[in-house]
Protein backbone atom coordinates (compact mmCIF):
# COMPACT_ATOMS: atom_id res chain seq x y z
CA UNK A 1 -42.52 89.90 -30.06
CA UNK A 2 -39.10 88.70 -31.18
CA UNK A 3 -38.66 87.37 -34.67
CA UNK A 4 -37.44 83.85 -35.27
CA UNK A 5 -33.69 83.58 -35.44
CA UNK A 6 -32.03 83.28 -38.84
CA UNK A 7 -29.44 80.57 -38.22
CA UNK A 8 -25.85 80.97 -39.37
CA UNK A 9 -24.41 78.46 -41.84
CA UNK A 10 -22.76 76.62 -38.94
CA UNK A 11 -26.03 76.49 -36.98
CA UNK A 12 -27.88 75.30 -40.08
CA UNK A 13 -25.39 72.44 -40.56
CA UNK A 14 -25.77 71.55 -36.86
CA UNK A 15 -29.56 71.56 -37.23
CA UNK A 16 -29.36 69.19 -40.22
CA UNK A 17 -27.00 66.93 -38.27
CA UNK A 18 -29.50 66.78 -35.39
CA UNK A 19 -32.30 65.96 -37.84
CA UNK A 20 -30.15 63.22 -39.40
CA UNK A 21 -29.73 61.62 -35.96
CA UNK A 22 -33.42 61.82 -35.06
CA UNK A 23 -35.90 58.95 -35.06
CA UNK A 24 -37.30 59.94 -38.50
CA UNK A 25 -34.30 61.54 -40.22
CA UNK A 26 -35.53 61.67 -43.83
CA UNK A 27 -38.91 63.11 -42.84
CA UNK A 28 -37.39 65.66 -40.47
CA UNK A 29 -34.78 66.79 -42.99
CA UNK A 30 -37.48 67.09 -45.67
CA UNK A 31 -39.56 69.30 -43.36
CA UNK A 32 -36.57 71.54 -42.66
CA UNK A 33 -35.58 71.76 -46.32
CA UNK A 34 -39.12 72.70 -47.38
CA UNK A 35 -38.82 75.58 -44.94
CA UNK A 36 -35.25 76.59 -45.83
CA UNK A 37 -35.13 75.95 -49.58
CA UNK A 38 -38.73 76.72 -50.51
CA UNK A 39 -39.62 79.28 -47.84
CA UNK A 40 -42.82 77.47 -46.92
CA UNK A 41 -44.80 78.28 -43.81
CA UNK A 42 -45.18 75.42 -41.34
CA UNK A 43 -48.92 75.17 -42.08
CA UNK A 44 -48.18 74.86 -45.79
CA UNK A 45 -45.64 72.12 -45.16
CA UNK A 46 -48.05 70.22 -42.91
CA UNK A 47 -50.82 70.41 -45.53
CA UNK A 48 -48.76 69.09 -48.47
CA UNK A 49 -49.78 65.80 -50.06
CA UNK A 50 -47.60 63.30 -51.92
CA UNK A 51 -49.18 64.51 -55.20
CA UNK A 52 -48.14 68.09 -54.44
CA UNK A 53 -44.44 67.19 -54.51
CA UNK A 54 -44.24 64.06 -56.71
CA UNK A 55 -45.67 63.17 -60.11
CA UNK A 56 -47.53 59.94 -60.97
CA UNK A 57 -44.26 57.99 -61.18
CA UNK A 58 -43.06 59.42 -57.85
CA UNK A 59 -40.47 61.74 -59.37
CA UNK A 60 -40.00 65.10 -57.70
CA UNK A 61 -41.86 67.79 -59.60
CA UNK A 62 -40.16 70.98 -60.80
CA UNK A 63 -42.78 73.03 -58.97
CA UNK A 64 -44.93 72.40 -55.95
CA UNK A 65 -48.31 73.96 -56.53
CA UNK A 66 -49.73 75.24 -53.27
CA UNK A 67 -53.51 75.11 -53.29
CA UNK A 68 -55.27 78.29 -52.18
CA UNK A 69 -56.87 76.52 -49.21
CA UNK A 70 -53.49 75.71 -47.63
CA UNK A 71 -51.87 79.15 -47.94
CA UNK A 72 -52.14 81.93 -45.40
CA UNK A 73 -53.28 84.41 -48.05
CA UNK A 74 -55.79 81.93 -49.56
CA UNK A 75 -54.12 82.37 -52.96
CA UNK A 76 -52.55 79.49 -54.88
CA UNK A 77 -48.89 79.85 -55.75
CA UNK A 78 -46.08 77.93 -57.40
CA UNK A 79 -43.06 76.94 -55.33
CA UNK A 80 -39.99 76.26 -57.42
CA UNK A 81 -37.91 73.23 -56.47
CA UNK A 82 -34.15 73.86 -56.36
CA UNK A 83 -31.58 71.11 -56.91
CA UNK A 84 -30.89 70.93 -53.16
CA UNK A 85 -34.56 70.57 -52.32
CA UNK A 86 -35.02 68.00 -55.11
CA UNK A 87 -32.22 65.84 -53.68
CA UNK A 88 -33.76 66.02 -50.21
CA UNK A 89 -37.21 65.08 -51.51
CA UNK A 90 -35.66 62.18 -53.45
CA UNK A 91 -33.92 61.03 -50.26
CA UNK A 92 -37.24 61.24 -48.44
CA UNK A 93 -38.99 59.23 -51.17
CA UNK A 94 -36.25 56.59 -50.99
CA UNK A 95 -36.93 56.20 -47.24
CA UNK A 96 -40.46 54.90 -47.86
CA UNK A 97 -39.20 51.30 -47.62
CA UNK A 98 -40.51 50.12 -50.99
CA UNK A 99 -44.11 51.20 -50.42
CA UNK A 100 -45.63 53.78 -52.68
CA UNK A 101 -48.15 55.82 -50.72
CA UNK A 102 -51.34 57.02 -52.34
CA UNK A 103 -50.95 60.45 -53.97
CA UNK A 104 -53.58 62.01 -51.69
CA UNK A 105 -51.75 60.94 -48.51
CA UNK A 106 -50.05 63.62 -46.44
CA UNK A 107 -46.45 64.19 -47.51
CA UNK A 108 -45.19 64.26 -43.92
CA UNK A 109 -46.68 61.97 -41.32
CA UNK A 110 -46.26 61.76 -37.59
CA UNK A 111 -44.87 58.64 -35.95
CA UNK A 112 -48.49 57.59 -35.37
CA UNK A 113 -49.01 57.66 -39.15
CA UNK A 114 -51.34 60.66 -39.19
CA UNK A 115 -50.84 63.90 -41.07
CA UNK A 116 -49.13 66.61 -39.06
CA UNK A 117 -51.13 69.60 -37.96
CA UNK A 118 -49.34 72.92 -38.22
CA UNK A 119 -49.05 72.93 -34.43
CA UNK A 120 -47.51 69.45 -34.10
CA UNK A 121 -45.05 70.14 -36.92
CA UNK A 122 -44.17 73.44 -35.24
CA UNK A 123 -43.46 71.54 -32.00
CA UNK A 124 -41.29 68.99 -33.83
CA UNK A 125 -39.22 71.70 -35.50
CA UNK A 126 -38.91 73.53 -32.17
CA UNK A 127 -37.47 70.38 -30.58
CA UNK A 128 -34.92 70.07 -33.40
CA UNK A 129 -33.81 73.68 -32.84
CA UNK A 130 -33.56 73.07 -29.10
CA UNK A 131 -31.50 69.90 -29.62
CA UNK A 132 -29.22 71.83 -31.99
CA UNK A 133 -28.76 74.52 -29.31
CA UNK A 134 -30.21 77.28 -31.50
CA UNK A 135 -31.88 79.75 -29.18
CA UNK A 136 -34.93 81.53 -30.59
CA UNK A 137 -35.01 79.10 -33.52
CA UNK A 138 -38.54 78.25 -34.57
CA UNK A 139 -40.60 76.88 -37.41
CA UNK A 140 -40.33 80.36 -38.97
CA UNK A 141 -36.51 80.42 -38.96
CA UNK A 142 -36.23 78.57 -42.26
CA UNK A 143 -38.64 80.94 -43.96
CA UNK A 144 -36.67 83.96 -42.69
CA UNK A 145 -33.42 82.28 -43.81
CA UNK A 146 -34.88 81.71 -47.30
CA UNK A 147 -36.01 85.33 -47.70
CA UNK A 148 -32.79 86.72 -46.22
CA UNK A 149 -30.58 84.57 -48.47
CA UNK A 150 -32.49 85.67 -51.56
CA UNK A 151 -32.25 89.34 -50.57
CA UNK A 152 -28.53 89.11 -49.86
CA UNK A 153 -28.01 87.37 -53.20
CA UNK A 154 -29.39 90.39 -55.04
CA UNK A 155 -32.75 88.88 -56.02
CA UNK A 156 -35.33 91.56 -56.74
CA UNK A 157 -37.71 92.43 -53.93
CA UNK A 158 -40.73 91.75 -56.16
CA UNK A 159 -39.48 88.22 -56.93
CA UNK A 160 -38.83 87.52 -53.24
CA UNK A 161 -42.27 88.84 -52.29
CA UNK A 162 -43.89 86.58 -54.90
CA UNK A 163 -41.89 83.49 -53.87
CA UNK A 164 -42.77 84.12 -50.21
CA UNK A 165 -46.46 84.51 -51.01
CA UNK A 166 -46.63 87.97 -49.46
CA UNK A 167 -49.14 90.55 -50.65
CA UNK A 168 -47.14 93.51 -49.37
CA UNK A 169 -43.44 94.34 -49.82
CA UNK A 170 -43.16 95.72 -46.28
CA UNK A 171 -44.03 92.27 -44.95
CA UNK A 172 -41.19 90.76 -46.97
CA UNK A 173 -38.76 93.42 -45.78
CA UNK A 174 -39.46 92.56 -42.13
CA UNK A 175 -38.14 89.04 -42.76
CA UNK A 176 -34.73 90.13 -44.00
CA UNK A 177 -31.96 89.81 -41.42
CA UNK A 178 -29.33 92.56 -41.40
CA UNK A 179 -26.11 92.29 -39.42
CA UNK A 180 -22.85 94.21 -38.99
CA UNK A 181 -20.91 92.12 -41.53
CA UNK A 182 -23.50 92.85 -44.22
CA UNK A 183 -23.52 96.55 -43.47
CA UNK A 184 -19.71 96.66 -43.56
CA UNK A 185 -19.65 94.82 -46.89
CA UNK A 186 -22.19 97.30 -48.28
CA UNK A 187 -20.15 100.38 -47.42
CA UNK A 188 -16.92 98.70 -48.57
CA UNK A 189 -18.37 98.68 -52.10
CA UNK A 190 -18.17 102.49 -52.23
């Protein structure tokens, strides 16, 4: 089984442009950014509530606390919110057209107003990748991008494993994309 593609910077920008032109741009960009800048699994994104991402005054929290029941490993974990993700979640909040949803409501909702299931969110993200012309892009591409970017930035493997919510380092290592340019840069350091 092939792994999800890790998009290049150019492909990532094209994907965001497609999301920005979609019927629900703020929601779709928020879904992508939760994958790319927090490394969340599609099921975790689909299960988030308003209260998971925003405080009582609807400000973006510094951490998103994933409840054990929504994670693959059934263990709670903290997801740290970067400045880029914070801006995207603020943009999403500002798209709510003056209404303040109840904290328990699903963070992302389908056009019918219901919470996404992992499957329907996976299909939505797949359509965005298709429209952006990214072959083999999937709901897992953002997660692989997140882990790969951290690894290539010199972040310790233990930190990456913890942020990804993996129990085993070998699982984390399988996510990291290696290409010729990276290998050349590595040997050029000698």
